[in-house]
């Protein structure tokens, strides 16, 4: 198996006619890491993956794999392998010939390519099915064969386009664990596109959150969870509420902002001017259903929805300019003092559970 390579994306753009799908993004993906591109449909994540693979031309900028600029290389010369969402297996070939196909194209003799293909099928625990055809396999088994086929060329980076989207929820979780284990075993760089926050959090060393062709944040899962960079990241990851307002004062490392409904809130932070628009994020699992002693660390609102989730209860509140301010309460806390839809409630949180959010420059 080849060594892992760092992937360096330098000011890369993708333009389709009058539409810019990717806006001059720059990113370094460390060698041997598991990187997940995450974002809503149409945010540019798949275009970026396809540009790394060479299946999509680059409008401007460069991509470097290790020490080699691969911007103008065809896919087969890049040292990457791509696994497509549809798996794209050949229905008329058995599993050995499916896996060995790229070696056949390279002119490797039959015995050598079949022995290598069997080795890869063994790695995927699929060697017992070697003589079967794809139609005789389950979705999870087909996925393992597609992985074996992508890995047989010994790539420095494996590129995965929504590889788990076709699987049922239980199989998704199992395959997630297998992908992580495989990446650690092989030690090569994995770049994985997904629109599932849970998938990215479970798999990635580096999460790259994209929106509208730009990178909103590139950081470890813990950093993204605890310190979302922007209001988009806070909302998209779903673990922070966002309140938007304007700065009214900045003293001693504490900013105060006022929201359009008139309430004032405090957050640690500096470098913002009075009158400037700001967003703050508040952890959903740190909000308490109790009145705030400090009025800038809480507000009163009306309960609009309640969802029981087993170990926790999700309570949605209308107030402070937000129509979906979320509280995640433990089941024991909630049932000790339950509330109903339509009830007026007081909410509070600690200063350290609020974070000042940034903006992505256009």
Protein backbone atom coordinates (compact mmCIF):
# COMPACT_ATOMS: atom_id res chain seq x y z
CA UNK A 1 0.00 0.00 0.00
CA UNK A 2 1.28 3.48 -0.82
CA UNK A 3 2.22 6.04 1.79
CA UNK A 4 -0.30 8.71 2.71
CA UNK A 5 -0.07 12.13 1.11
CA UNK A 6 -0.97 15.60 2.34
CA UNK A 7 -3.53 17.28 0.09
CA UNK A 8 -3.02 21.01 -0.38
CA UNK A 9 -5.90 22.93 -1.99
CA UNK A 10 -4.66 26.43 -2.93
CA UNK A 11 -7.20 29.10 -3.94
CA UNK A 12 -9.25 26.60 -5.94
CA UNK A 13 -12.39 27.79 -7.75
CA UNK A 14 -14.94 26.01 -9.91
CA UNK A 15 -17.07 28.05 -12.31
CA UNK A 16 -19.89 26.62 -14.45
CA UNK A 17 -20.89 29.31 -16.95
CA UNK A 18 -22.23 32.23 -14.88
CA UNK A 19 -22.34 30.15 -11.65
CA UNK A 20 -19.43 29.87 -9.21
CA UNK A 21 -19.78 26.53 -7.40
CA UNK A 22 -16.55 26.86 -5.38
CA UNK A 23 -15.09 30.25 -4.40
CA UNK A 24 -11.25 30.24 -4.18
CA UNK A 25 -11.01 27.83 -1.25
CA UNK A 26 -7.71 27.00 0.46
CA UNK A 27 -7.21 24.01 2.74
CA UNK A 28 -4.48 21.62 3.88
CA UNK A 29 -5.59 18.04 4.61
CA UNK A 30 -2.84 16.38 6.70
CA UNK A 31 -1.32 13.11 5.42
CA UNK A 32 -2.97 10.05 6.94
CA UNK A 33 -5.99 11.92 8.31
CA UNK A 34 -9.70 11.24 7.90
CA UNK A 35 -11.26 14.41 6.47
CA UNK A 36 -15.03 14.89 6.03
CA UNK A 37 -16.50 17.59 3.80
CA UNK A 38 -19.88 18.44 5.28
CA UNK A 39 -22.65 20.76 4.16
CA UNK A 40 -26.09 21.04 2.58
CA UNK A 41 -26.82 20.02 -1.03
CA UNK A 42 -25.26 22.38 -3.55
CA UNK A 43 -22.63 23.80 -1.16
CA UNK A 44 -19.67 22.75 -3.36
CA UNK A 45 -18.41 19.73 -1.40
CA UNK A 46 -18.81 17.15 -4.21
CA UNK A 47 -17.35 19.57 -6.81
CA UNK A 48 -14.31 19.95 -4.52
CA UNK A 49 -13.93 16.17 -4.15
CA UNK A 50 -14.21 15.68 -7.92
CA UNK A 51 -11.56 18.37 -8.51
CA UNK A 52 -9.19 16.52 -6.11
CA UNK A 53 -9.90 13.31 -8.07
CA UNK A 54 -9.43 14.94 -11.49
CA UNK A 55 -13.00 14.13 -12.60
CA UNK A 56 -13.77 17.85 -12.67
CA UNK A 57 -11.47 20.51 -14.14
CA UNK A 58 -10.23 23.35 -11.90
CA UNK A 59 -11.23 26.86 -13.05
CA UNK A 60 -8.41 28.52 -11.07
CA UNK A 61 -5.95 27.61 -8.33
CA UNK A 62 -3.92 24.43 -7.75
CA UNK A 63 -4.15 21.08 -5.99
CA UNK A 64 -1.01 19.45 -4.64
CA UNK A 65 -0.78 15.83 -3.55
CA UNK A 66 2.34 15.38 -1.43
CA UNK A 67 5.00 17.41 -3.27
CA UNK A 68 3.38 17.11 -6.71
CA UNK A 69 1.06 19.67 -8.30
CA UNK A 70 -1.63 17.44 -9.86
CA UNK A 71 -3.92 20.22 -11.17
CA UNK A 72 -3.58 19.12 -14.82
CA UNK A 73 -3.08 15.38 -14.25
CA UNK A 74 -5.71 12.87 -15.43
CA UNK A 75 -7.36 10.85 -12.59
CA UNK A 76 -5.24 7.71 -13.16
CA UNK A 77 -1.97 9.67 -12.70
CA UNK A 78 -2.87 11.41 -9.43
CA UNK A 79 -2.29 8.71 -6.82
CA UNK A 80 -5.91 9.02 -5.69
CA UNK A 81 -8.78 6.55 -5.96
CA UNK A 82 -12.45 7.45 -5.88
CA UNK A 83 -15.37 5.43 -4.58
CA UNK A 84 -18.63 6.62 -6.11
CA UNK A 85 -21.99 6.90 -4.35
CA UNK A 86 -23.53 4.33 -6.74
CA UNK A 87 -20.56 1.88 -6.26
CA UNK A 88 -20.56 1.49 -10.13
CA UNK A 89 -19.74 -2.25 -10.08
CA UNK A 90 -19.81 -4.22 -13.35
CA UNK A 91 -22.87 -6.52 -13.17
CA UNK A 92 -21.48 -9.12 -15.63
CA UNK A 93 -18.14 -9.64 -13.81
CA UNK A 94 -17.52 -11.69 -10.65
CA UNK A 95 -16.04 -9.93 -7.61
CA UNK A 96 -12.43 -10.82 -8.42
CA UNK A 97 -12.67 -9.33 -11.93
CA UNK A 98 -14.53 -6.28 -10.59
CA UNK A 99 -11.78 -5.58 -8.06
CA UNK A 100 -8.97 -6.38 -10.53
CA UNK A 101 -10.39 -4.21 -13.33
CA UNK A 102 -8.05 -1.21 -12.92
CA UNK A 103 -5.01 -3.54 -12.87
CA UNK A 104 -6.27 -5.16 -16.09
CA UNK A 105 -6.42 -1.68 -17.67
CA UNK A 106 -2.80 -1.15 -16.59
CA UNK A 107 -1.73 -4.40 -18.31
CA UNK A 108 -0.97 -6.40 -15.16
CA UNK A 109 -1.00 -10.14 -16.01
CA UNK A 110 -4.01 -12.24 -15.04
CA UNK A 111 -2.49 -14.33 -12.21
CA UNK A 112 -0.95 -11.32 -10.48
CA UNK A 113 -4.06 -9.15 -10.68
CA UNK A 114 -6.34 -12.02 -9.50
CA UNK A 115 -4.07 -12.73 -6.54
CA UNK A 116 -4.01 -9.01 -5.61
CA UNK A 117 -7.81 -8.83 -5.98
CA UNK A 118 -8.27 -11.80 -3.66
CA UNK A 119 -5.93 -10.14 -1.15
CA UNK A 120 -8.12 -6.99 -1.21
CA UNK A 121 -11.33 -9.04 -0.90
CA UNK A 122 -9.80 -10.79 2.12
CA UNK A 123 -9.03 -7.40 3.69
CA UNK A 124 -12.73 -6.56 3.25
CA UNK A 125 -13.79 -10.02 4.58
CA UNK A 126 -15.37 -10.73 1.18
CA UNK A 127 -13.03 -13.50 -0.10
CA UNK A 128 -15.71 -16.18 0.51
CA UNK A 129 -17.90 -14.43 -2.10
CA UNK A 130 -15.16 -14.06 -4.74
CA UNK A 131 -17.00 -15.95 -7.50
CA UNK A 132 -20.31 -14.13 -7.01
CA UNK A 133 -21.66 -11.26 -9.10
CA UNK A 134 -22.71 -7.87 -7.62
CA UNK A 135 -26.47 -8.61 -7.93
CA UNK A 136 -26.03 -11.52 -5.49
CA UNK A 137 -24.74 -9.21 -2.74
CA UNK A 138 -26.36 -6.93 -0.15
CA UNK A 139 -25.74 -3.16 -0.19
CA UNK A 140 -23.10 -3.40 2.54
CA UNK A 141 -21.29 -6.21 0.69
CA UNK A 142 -21.35 -4.24 -2.58
CA UNK A 143 -19.84 -1.33 -0.73
CA UNK A 144 -16.95 -3.49 0.53
CA UNK A 145 -16.27 -4.67 -3.04
CA UNK A 146 -16.28 -1.05 -4.29
CA UNK A 147 -13.78 -0.18 -1.52
CA UNK A 148 -11.55 -3.12 -2.47
CA UNK A 149 -11.61 -2.00 -6.11
CA UNK A 150 -10.69 1.58 -5.17
CA UNK A 151 -7.84 0.47 -2.89
CA UNK A 152 -6.19 -2.12 -5.18
CA UNK A 153 -4.13 0.55 -6.98
CA UNK A 154 -2.43 1.50 -3.68
CA UNK A 155 -3.61 5.15 -3.66
CA UNK A 156 -2.10 7.83 -1.43
CA UNK A 157 -5.63 9.18 -0.84
CA UNK A 158 -9.06 7.55 -1.01
CA UNK A 159 -11.94 9.85 -2.02
CA UNK A 160 -15.45 8.81 -0.95
CA UNK A 161 -18.60 10.48 -2.30
CA UNK A 162 -21.44 9.93 0.22
CA UNK A 163 -20.43 6.27 0.58
CA UNK A 164 -23.03 5.42 3.26
CA UNK A 165 -26.09 7.18 1.84
CA UNK A 166 -27.60 4.04 0.23
CA UNK A 167 -27.42 1.93 3.41
CA UNK A 168 -30.07 1.39 6.08
CA UNK A 169 -29.52 3.15 9.47
CA UNK A 170 -28.10 0.10 11.33
CA UNK A 171 -25.73 -0.81 8.50
CA UNK A 172 -24.62 2.83 8.25
CA UNK A 173 -23.42 2.75 11.85
CA UNK A 174 -21.61 -0.57 11.33
CA UNK A 175 -19.97 0.56 8.07
CA UNK A 176 -18.93 3.82 9.74
CA UNK A 177 -16.93 1.84 12.29
CA UNK A 178 -15.44 -0.31 9.50
CA UNK A 179 -14.38 2.74 7.46
CA UNK A 180 -12.66 4.29 10.48
CA UNK A 181 -10.88 1.01 11.27
CA UNK A 182 -9.85 0.57 7.62
CA UNK A 183 -8.42 4.10 7.45
CA UNK A 184 -6.39 3.52 10.63
CA UNK A 185 -5.16 0.11 9.32
CA UNK A 186 -4.10 1.45 5.91
CA UNK A 187 -2.83 4.78 7.23
CA UNK A 188 -3.74 6.62 3.99
CA UNK A 189 -5.61 9.92 3.68
CA UNK A 190 -9.40 9.54 3.43
CA UNK A 191 -11.53 12.41 2.07
CA UNK A 192 -15.24 11.71 2.58
CA UNK A 193 -18.20 13.84 1.43
CA UNK A 194 -21.39 13.67 3.53
CA UNK A 195 -24.41 15.76 4.46
CA UNK A 196 -24.77 13.92 7.80
CA UNK A 197 -23.44 15.82 10.81
CA UNK A 198 -23.44 12.62 12.88
CA UNK A 199 -21.38 10.76 10.25
CA UNK A 200 -18.78 13.53 10.07
CA UNK A 201 -18.51 13.78 13.87
CA UNK A 202 -18.09 9.99 14.19
CA UNK A 203 -15.45 9.61 11.46
CA UNK A 204 -13.38 12.72 10.95
CA UNK A 205 -10.11 14.01 12.36
CA UNK A 206 -10.83 17.16 10.31
CA UNK A 207 -14.34 18.43 9.48
CA UNK A 208 -14.62 20.94 6.64
CA UNK A 209 -18.02 22.66 6.69
CA UNK A 210 -18.99 24.27 3.39
CA UNK A 211 -21.80 26.65 2.51
CA UNK A 212 -22.45 28.36 -0.80
CA UNK A 213 -19.05 27.34 -2.26
CA UNK A 214 -17.03 28.62 0.70
CA UNK A 215 -15.41 26.99 3.74
CA UNK A 216 -17.16 28.19 6.92
CA UNK A 217 -14.90 26.20 9.27
CA UNK A 218 -12.21 23.52 9.05
CA UNK A 219 -11.42 22.03 12.46
CA UNK A 220 -11.55 18.93 14.67
CA UNK A 221 -15.01 17.59 15.57
CA UNK A 222 -14.59 18.82 19.15
CA UNK A 223 -13.63 22.32 18.01
CA UNK A 224 -16.62 22.46 15.63
CA UNK A 225 -18.95 21.27 18.40
CA UNK A 226 -17.64 23.50 21.17
CA UNK A 227 -16.61 26.58 19.20
CA UNK A 228 -18.54 26.93 15.92
CA UNK A 229 -16.85 29.62 13.81
CA UNK A 230 -19.99 31.16 12.28
CA UNK A 231 -23.76 31.32 12.73
CA UNK A 232 -24.12 28.93 9.77
CA UNK A 233 -21.92 26.28 11.46
CA UNK A 234 -23.76 26.73 14.79
CA UNK A 235 -27.15 26.25 13.10
CA UNK A 236 -26.05 23.50 10.69
CA UNK A 237 -24.42 21.36 13.40
CA UNK A 238 -27.54 21.86 15.51
CA UNK A 239 -25.83 21.99 18.90
CA UNK A 240 -25.92 25.78 19.38
CA UNK A 241 -28.73 28.30 19.34
CA UNK A 242 -28.01 31.55 17.52
CA UNK A 243 -29.06 35.01 18.71
CA UNK A 244 -28.39 37.97 16.40
CA UNK A 245 -28.14 41.61 17.40
CA UNK A 246 -25.95 44.71 17.55
CA UNK A 247 -23.13 45.55 19.98
CA UNK A 248 -24.15 48.11 22.62
CA UNK A 249 -20.98 47.99 24.76
CA UNK A 250 -17.56 46.35 25.00
CA UNK A 251 -15.89 46.40 28.42
CA UNK A 252 -13.36 44.16 30.18
CA UNK A 253 -13.50 41.46 27.50
CA UNK A 254 -17.31 41.26 27.65
CA UNK A 255 -19.49 42.34 24.73
CA UNK A 256 -23.14 43.23 25.25
CA UNK A 257 -25.53 43.04 22.32
CA UNK A 258 -29.19 43.92 21.95
CA UNK A 259 -31.53 41.84 19.75
CA UNK A 260 -34.33 43.52 17.71
CA UNK A 261 -36.92 42.46 20.35
CA UNK A 262 -35.04 44.60 22.92
CA UNK A 263 -33.34 42.04 25.19
CA UNK A 264 -29.62 42.41 25.96
CA UNK A 265 -27.17 39.48 26.10
CA UNK A 266 -23.53 39.12 27.17
CA UNK A 267 -20.71 37.13 25.57
CA UNK A 268 -16.93 37.01 26.07
CA UNK A 269 -15.15 38.70 23.18
CA UNK A 270 -13.33 41.75 21.89
CA UNK A 271 -12.61 43.54 18.63
CA UNK A 272 -16.20 44.47 17.76
CA UNK A 273 -17.40 48.05 17.39
CA UNK A 274 -20.51 49.48 19.06
CA UNK A 275 -23.36 49.24 16.52
CA UNK A 276 -21.75 46.29 14.68
CA UNK A 277 -23.98 43.31 13.83
CA UNK A 278 -22.98 40.16 15.76
CA UNK A 279 -24.17 36.61 16.28
CA UNK A 280 -23.71 34.58 19.44
CA UNK A 281 -24.10 30.83 19.89
CA UNK A 282 -25.44 29.17 23.06
CA UNK A 283 -25.01 25.42 23.66
CA UNK A 284 -28.42 23.70 23.50
CA UNK A 285 -27.48 21.18 26.22
CA UNK A 286 -26.35 23.91 28.63
CA UNK A 287 -29.59 25.94 28.65
CA UNK A 288 -31.55 25.54 31.90
CA UNK A 289 -35.30 25.90 32.47
CA UNK A 290 -34.72 28.37 35.32
CA UNK A 291 -34.82 32.15 35.54
CA UNK A 292 -31.50 33.93 35.01
CA UNK A 293 -29.98 35.86 37.93
CA UNK A 294 -28.14 37.95 35.33
CA UNK A 295 -30.75 39.14 32.81
CA UNK A 296 -28.12 39.16 30.02
CA UNK A 297 -27.75 35.37 30.37
CA UNK A 298 -31.32 34.29 29.71
CA UNK A 299 -34.83 35.29 28.63
CA UNK A 300 -38.49 34.27 28.90
CA UNK A 301 -40.33 32.63 26.02
CA UNK A 302 -43.20 30.33 25.03
CA UNK A 303 -42.79 26.56 24.51
CA UNK A 304 -43.67 25.73 20.88
CA UNK A 305 -42.67 22.03 20.67
CA UNK A 306 -41.51 19.10 22.81
CA UNK A 307 -39.81 15.93 21.54
CA UNK A 308 -39.08 12.98 23.82
CA UNK A 309 -35.80 11.31 22.80
CA UNK A 310 -35.31 8.69 25.48
CA UNK A 311 -32.33 9.88 27.50
CA UNK A 312 -33.10 13.52 26.67
CA UNK A 313 -36.02 15.80 25.83
CA UNK A 314 -35.81 18.52 23.16
CA UNK A 315 -37.83 21.63 24.03
CA UNK A 316 -38.29 24.37 21.43
CA UNK A 317 -39.01 27.89 22.65
CA UNK A 318 -40.18 31.05 20.88
CA UNK A 319 -38.55 34.28 22.14
CA UNK A 320 -35.65 36.78 21.91
CA UNK A 321 -36.06 36.95 18.13
CA UNK A 322 -35.71 33.18 17.72
CA UNK A 323 -38.62 30.94 16.76
CA UNK A 324 -36.69 27.73 17.41
CA UNK A 325 -34.51 28.31 20.47
CA UNK A 326 -33.67 24.77 21.61
CA UNK A 327 -33.16 23.31 25.07
CA UNK A 328 -31.84 19.74 25.40
CA UNK A 329 -32.81 18.61 28.93
CA UNK A 330 -31.98 15.24 30.49
CA UNK A 331 -35.06 13.05 30.88
CA UNK A 332 -34.72 13.14 34.69
CA UNK A 333 -34.53 16.97 34.80
CA UNK A 334 -37.48 17.32 32.44
CA UNK A 335 -39.80 14.84 34.17
CA UNK A 336 -38.95 16.27 37.60
CA UNK A 337 -40.43 19.57 36.37
CA UNK A 338 -42.25 19.01 33.04
CA UNK A 339 -43.54 21.82 30.79
CA UNK A 340 -46.18 21.78 28.04
CA UNK A 341 -46.58 23.42 24.64
CA UNK A 342 -47.92 26.96 25.19
CA UNK A 343 -46.32 27.37 28.64
CA UNK A 344 -44.29 30.49 29.43
CA UNK A 345 -40.78 29.47 30.54
CA UNK A 346 -37.67 31.21 31.82
CA UNK A 347 -34.35 30.12 30.33
CA UNK A 348 -30.79 30.72 31.55
CA UNK A 349 -27.21 29.72 30.80
CA UNK A 350 -23.67 30.43 32.03
CA UNK A 351 -21.43 33.02 30.38
CA UNK A 352 -18.93 30.30 29.32
CA UNK A 353 -21.68 28.48 27.38
CA UNK A 354 -22.10 31.42 24.98
CA UNK A 355 -19.64 31.87 22.09
CA UNK A 356 -19.04 34.88 19.85
CA UNK A 357 -19.50 33.78 16.23
CA UNK A 358 -17.53 35.13 13.27
CA UNK A 359 -18.49 35.89 9.67
CA UNK A 360 -17.20 34.35 6.45
CA UNK A 361 -15.78 37.05 4.20
CA UNK A 362 -17.45 37.07 0.77
